[in-house]
Amino acid sequence: MEEVETITDEIVNASYTNAFDLLIGNTDFDTLSNQDEFYLPKDYDDADTVLQYFEEMEDYDKCIQIRDRKI
């Protein structure tokens, strides 16, 4: 039987942090794939979706970086 992993707030945060790092160029897929495991949200390449997540988390430093990258 397969083990089903529960999606926790920690996993969600890690996935959006990975998406953020990809969007602004802090990392790439090769680097992520060298980790034991990594997560990405479904729309990881949609800057508006990633921005909305960090707005909800009130992480405005990341919001500014995403906004500036979109300009």
N, C-alpha and C. Protein backbone atom coordinates (compact mmCIF):
# COMPACT_ATOMS: atom_id res chain seq x y z
N MET A 1 0.85 -1.18 0.00
CA MET A 1 0.00 0.00 0.00
C MET A 1 0.89 1.24 0.00
N GLU A 2 0.51 2.25 -0.79
CA GLU A 2 1.27 3.49 -0.86
C GLU A 2 1.02 4.35 0.37
N GLU A 3 2.07 5.01 0.81
CA GLU A 3 1.94 5.94 1.91
C GLU A 3 1.47 7.28 1.35
N VAL A 4 0.42 7.81 1.92
CA VAL A 4 -0.12 9.10 1.48
C VAL A 4 0.41 10.17 2.42
N GLU A 5 1.04 11.17 1.84
CA GLU A 5 1.60 12.25 2.65
C GLU A 5 0.56 13.35 2.80
N THR A 6 0.38 13.80 4.02
CA THR A 6 -0.53 14.89 4.29
C THR A 6 0.14 16.21 3.91
N ILE A 7 -0.61 17.03 3.22
CA ILE A 7 -0.08 18.34 2.83
C ILE A 7 -0.23 19.26 4.04
N THR A 8 0.90 19.61 4.60
CA THR A 8 0.93 20.46 5.78
C THR A 8 1.23 21.90 5.37
N ASP A 9 1.04 22.80 6.32
CA ASP A 9 1.38 24.21 6.07
C ASP A 9 2.87 24.33 5.73
N GLU A 10 3.70 23.49 6.34
CA GLU A 10 5.13 23.51 6.08
C GLU A 10 5.43 23.14 4.62
N ILE A 11 4.73 22.14 4.10
CA ILE A 11 4.93 21.72 2.71
C ILE A 11 4.43 22.80 1.76
N VAL A 12 3.29 23.39 2.07
CA VAL A 12 2.76 24.47 1.23
C VAL A 12 3.74 25.64 1.20
N ASN A 13 4.25 26.02 2.37
CA ASN A 13 5.20 27.12 2.43
C ASN A 13 6.47 26.78 1.65
N ALA A 14 6.97 25.57 1.80
CA ALA A 14 8.17 25.16 1.07
C ALA A 14 7.93 25.19 -0.43
N SER A 15 6.75 24.77 -0.87
CA SER A 15 6.46 24.76 -2.30
C SER A 15 6.42 26.17 -2.87
N TYR A 16 5.80 27.10 -2.16
CA TYR A 16 5.74 28.48 -2.65
C TYR A 16 7.09 29.18 -2.53
N THR A 17 7.88 28.81 -1.54
CA THR A 17 9.23 29.36 -1.45
C THR A 17 10.07 28.88 -2.64
N ASN A 18 9.93 27.62 -3.01
CA ASN A 18 10.62 27.11 -4.20
C ASN A 18 10.16 27.85 -5.46
N ALA A 19 8.85 28.07 -5.57
CA ALA A 19 8.31 28.79 -6.73
C ALA A 19 8.86 30.21 -6.77
N PHE A 20 8.91 30.86 -5.61
CA PHE A 20 9.47 32.21 -5.52
C PHE A 20 10.91 32.21 -6.00
N ASP A 21 11.71 31.27 -5.49
CA ASP A 21 13.12 31.21 -5.87
C ASP A 21 13.29 30.97 -7.37
N LEU A 22 12.43 30.16 -7.96
CA LEU A 22 12.48 29.96 -9.41
C LEU A 22 12.13 31.24 -10.16
N LEU A 23 11.07 31.91 -9.70
CA LEU A 23 10.60 33.13 -10.39
C LEU A 23 11.65 34.23 -10.41
N ILE A 24 12.34 34.41 -9.29
CA ILE A 24 13.28 35.53 -9.25
C ILE A 24 14.71 35.12 -9.59
N GLY A 25 14.90 33.84 -9.89
CA GLY A 25 16.20 33.40 -10.35
C GLY A 25 17.18 32.99 -9.28
N ASN A 26 16.71 32.75 -8.07
CA ASN A 26 17.59 32.30 -7.00
C ASN A 26 17.98 30.84 -7.13
N THR A 27 17.20 30.08 -7.90
CA THR A 27 17.47 28.66 -8.09
C THR A 27 16.97 28.24 -9.46
N ASP A 28 17.26 27.00 -9.82
CA ASP A 28 16.75 26.44 -11.07
C ASP A 28 16.33 24.99 -10.82
N PHE A 29 15.75 24.37 -11.82
CA PHE A 29 15.25 23.01 -11.64
C PHE A 29 16.37 22.01 -11.36
N ASP A 30 17.54 22.23 -11.93
CA ASP A 30 18.66 21.32 -11.67
C ASP A 30 19.02 21.33 -10.19
N THR A 31 19.08 22.51 -9.60
CA THR A 31 19.40 22.63 -8.18
C THR A 31 18.32 21.99 -7.33
N LEU A 32 17.05 22.26 -7.64
CA LEU A 32 15.96 21.66 -6.88
C LEU A 32 15.98 20.14 -6.98
N SER A 33 16.27 19.62 -8.17
CA SER A 33 16.24 18.18 -8.37
C SER A 33 17.37 17.46 -7.63
N ASN A 34 18.38 18.19 -7.20
CA ASN A 34 19.47 17.59 -6.43
C ASN A 34 19.10 17.41 -4.96
N GLN A 35 17.99 17.98 -4.54
CA GLN A 35 17.51 17.79 -3.17
C GLN A 35 16.85 16.42 -3.06
N ASP A 36 16.74 15.91 -1.85
CA ASP A 36 16.06 14.63 -1.65
C ASP A 36 14.63 14.67 -2.18
N GLU A 37 13.96 15.75 -1.88
CA GLU A 37 12.61 15.98 -2.40
C GLU A 37 12.35 17.47 -2.41
N PHE A 38 11.47 17.88 -3.31
CA PHE A 38 11.06 19.28 -3.33
C PHE A 38 9.64 19.35 -3.83
N TYR A 39 8.98 20.43 -3.46
CA TYR A 39 7.59 20.64 -3.82
C TYR A 39 7.44 21.95 -4.58
N LEU A 40 6.46 21.95 -5.46
CA LEU A 40 6.07 23.16 -6.17
C LEU A 40 4.55 23.21 -6.23
N PRO A 41 3.97 24.40 -6.13
CA PRO A 41 2.52 24.50 -6.30
C PRO A 41 2.16 24.25 -7.77
N LYS A 42 0.91 23.96 -8.00
CA LYS A 42 0.43 23.66 -9.36
C LYS A 42 0.80 24.76 -10.35
N ASP A 43 0.59 25.99 -9.99
CA ASP A 43 0.85 27.13 -10.88
C ASP A 43 2.14 27.84 -10.47
N TYR A 44 3.21 27.07 -10.29
CA TYR A 44 4.46 27.63 -9.78
C TYR A 44 5.05 28.72 -10.67
N ASP A 45 4.71 28.72 -11.96
CA ASP A 45 5.28 29.71 -12.88
C ASP A 45 4.38 30.92 -13.08
N ASP A 46 3.28 30.99 -12.35
CA ASP A 46 2.36 32.12 -12.43
C ASP A 46 2.70 33.12 -11.32
N ALA A 47 3.35 34.21 -11.70
CA ALA A 47 3.80 35.20 -10.72
C ALA A 47 2.65 35.74 -9.89
N ASP A 48 1.47 35.91 -10.48
CA ASP A 48 0.32 36.44 -9.73
C ASP A 48 -0.12 35.48 -8.64
N THR A 49 -0.08 34.19 -8.91
CA THR A 49 -0.47 33.19 -7.90
C THR A 49 0.53 33.18 -6.75
N VAL A 50 1.80 33.20 -7.09
CA VAL A 50 2.85 33.20 -6.06
C VAL A 50 2.77 34.49 -5.25
N LEU A 51 2.56 35.61 -5.93
CA LEU A 51 2.41 36.90 -5.25
C LEU A 51 1.23 36.87 -4.28
N GLN A 52 0.12 36.32 -4.71
CA GLN A 52 -1.06 36.25 -3.85
C GLN A 52 -0.77 35.45 -2.59
N TYR A 53 -0.06 34.34 -2.72
CA TYR A 53 0.29 33.53 -1.54
C TYR A 53 1.09 34.36 -0.55
N PHE A 54 2.12 35.05 -1.02
CA PHE A 54 2.97 35.81 -0.11
C PHE A 54 2.27 37.05 0.43
N GLU A 55 1.29 37.58 -0.30
CA GLU A 55 0.45 38.66 0.26
C GLU A 55 -0.35 38.12 1.44
N GLU A 56 -0.93 36.93 1.27
CA GLU A 56 -1.71 36.32 2.35
C GLU A 56 -0.84 36.00 3.56
N MET A 57 0.42 35.67 3.33
CA MET A 57 1.36 35.37 4.41
C MET A 57 1.97 36.65 5.00
N GLU A 58 1.64 37.79 4.38
CA GLU A 58 2.15 39.10 4.77
C GLU A 58 3.67 39.16 4.71
N ASP A 59 4.24 38.47 3.73
CA ASP A 59 5.68 38.51 3.48
C ASP A 59 5.92 39.53 2.37
N TYR A 60 5.90 40.79 2.76
CA TYR A 60 5.90 41.87 1.79
C TYR A 60 7.25 42.05 1.09
N ASP A 61 8.34 41.60 1.73
CA ASP A 61 9.63 41.65 1.05
C ASP A 61 9.62 40.79 -0.21
N LYS A 62 9.05 39.59 -0.10
CA LYS A 62 8.95 38.72 -1.27
C LYS A 62 7.98 39.31 -2.29
N CYS A 63 6.90 39.92 -1.81
CA CYS A 63 5.94 40.55 -2.72
C CYS A 63 6.61 41.63 -3.57
N ILE A 64 7.42 42.45 -2.93
CA ILE A 64 8.12 43.52 -3.65
C ILE A 64 9.04 42.93 -4.70
N GLN A 65 9.76 41.87 -4.35
CA GLN A 65 10.67 41.25 -5.32
C GLN A 65 9.92 40.67 -6.51
N ILE A 66 8.78 40.04 -6.25
CA ILE A 66 7.96 39.48 -7.34
C ILE A 66 7.43 40.62 -8.20
N ARG A 67 6.90 41.65 -7.56
CA ARG A 67 6.37 42.79 -8.31
C ARG A 67 7.44 43.42 -9.19
N ASP A 68 8.62 43.62 -8.62
CA ASP A 68 9.70 44.24 -9.38
C ASP A 68 10.15 43.35 -10.54
N ARG A 69 10.06 42.06 -10.37
CA ARG A 69 10.45 41.11 -11.43
C ARG A 69 9.43 41.15 -12.58
N LYS A 70 8.16 41.42 -12.26
CA LYS A 70 7.10 41.45 -13.28
C LYS A 70 7.17 42.69 -14.15
N ILE A 71 7.76 43.77 -13.63
CA ILE A 71 7.78 45.06 -14.35
C ILE A 71 8.68 44.97 -15.55
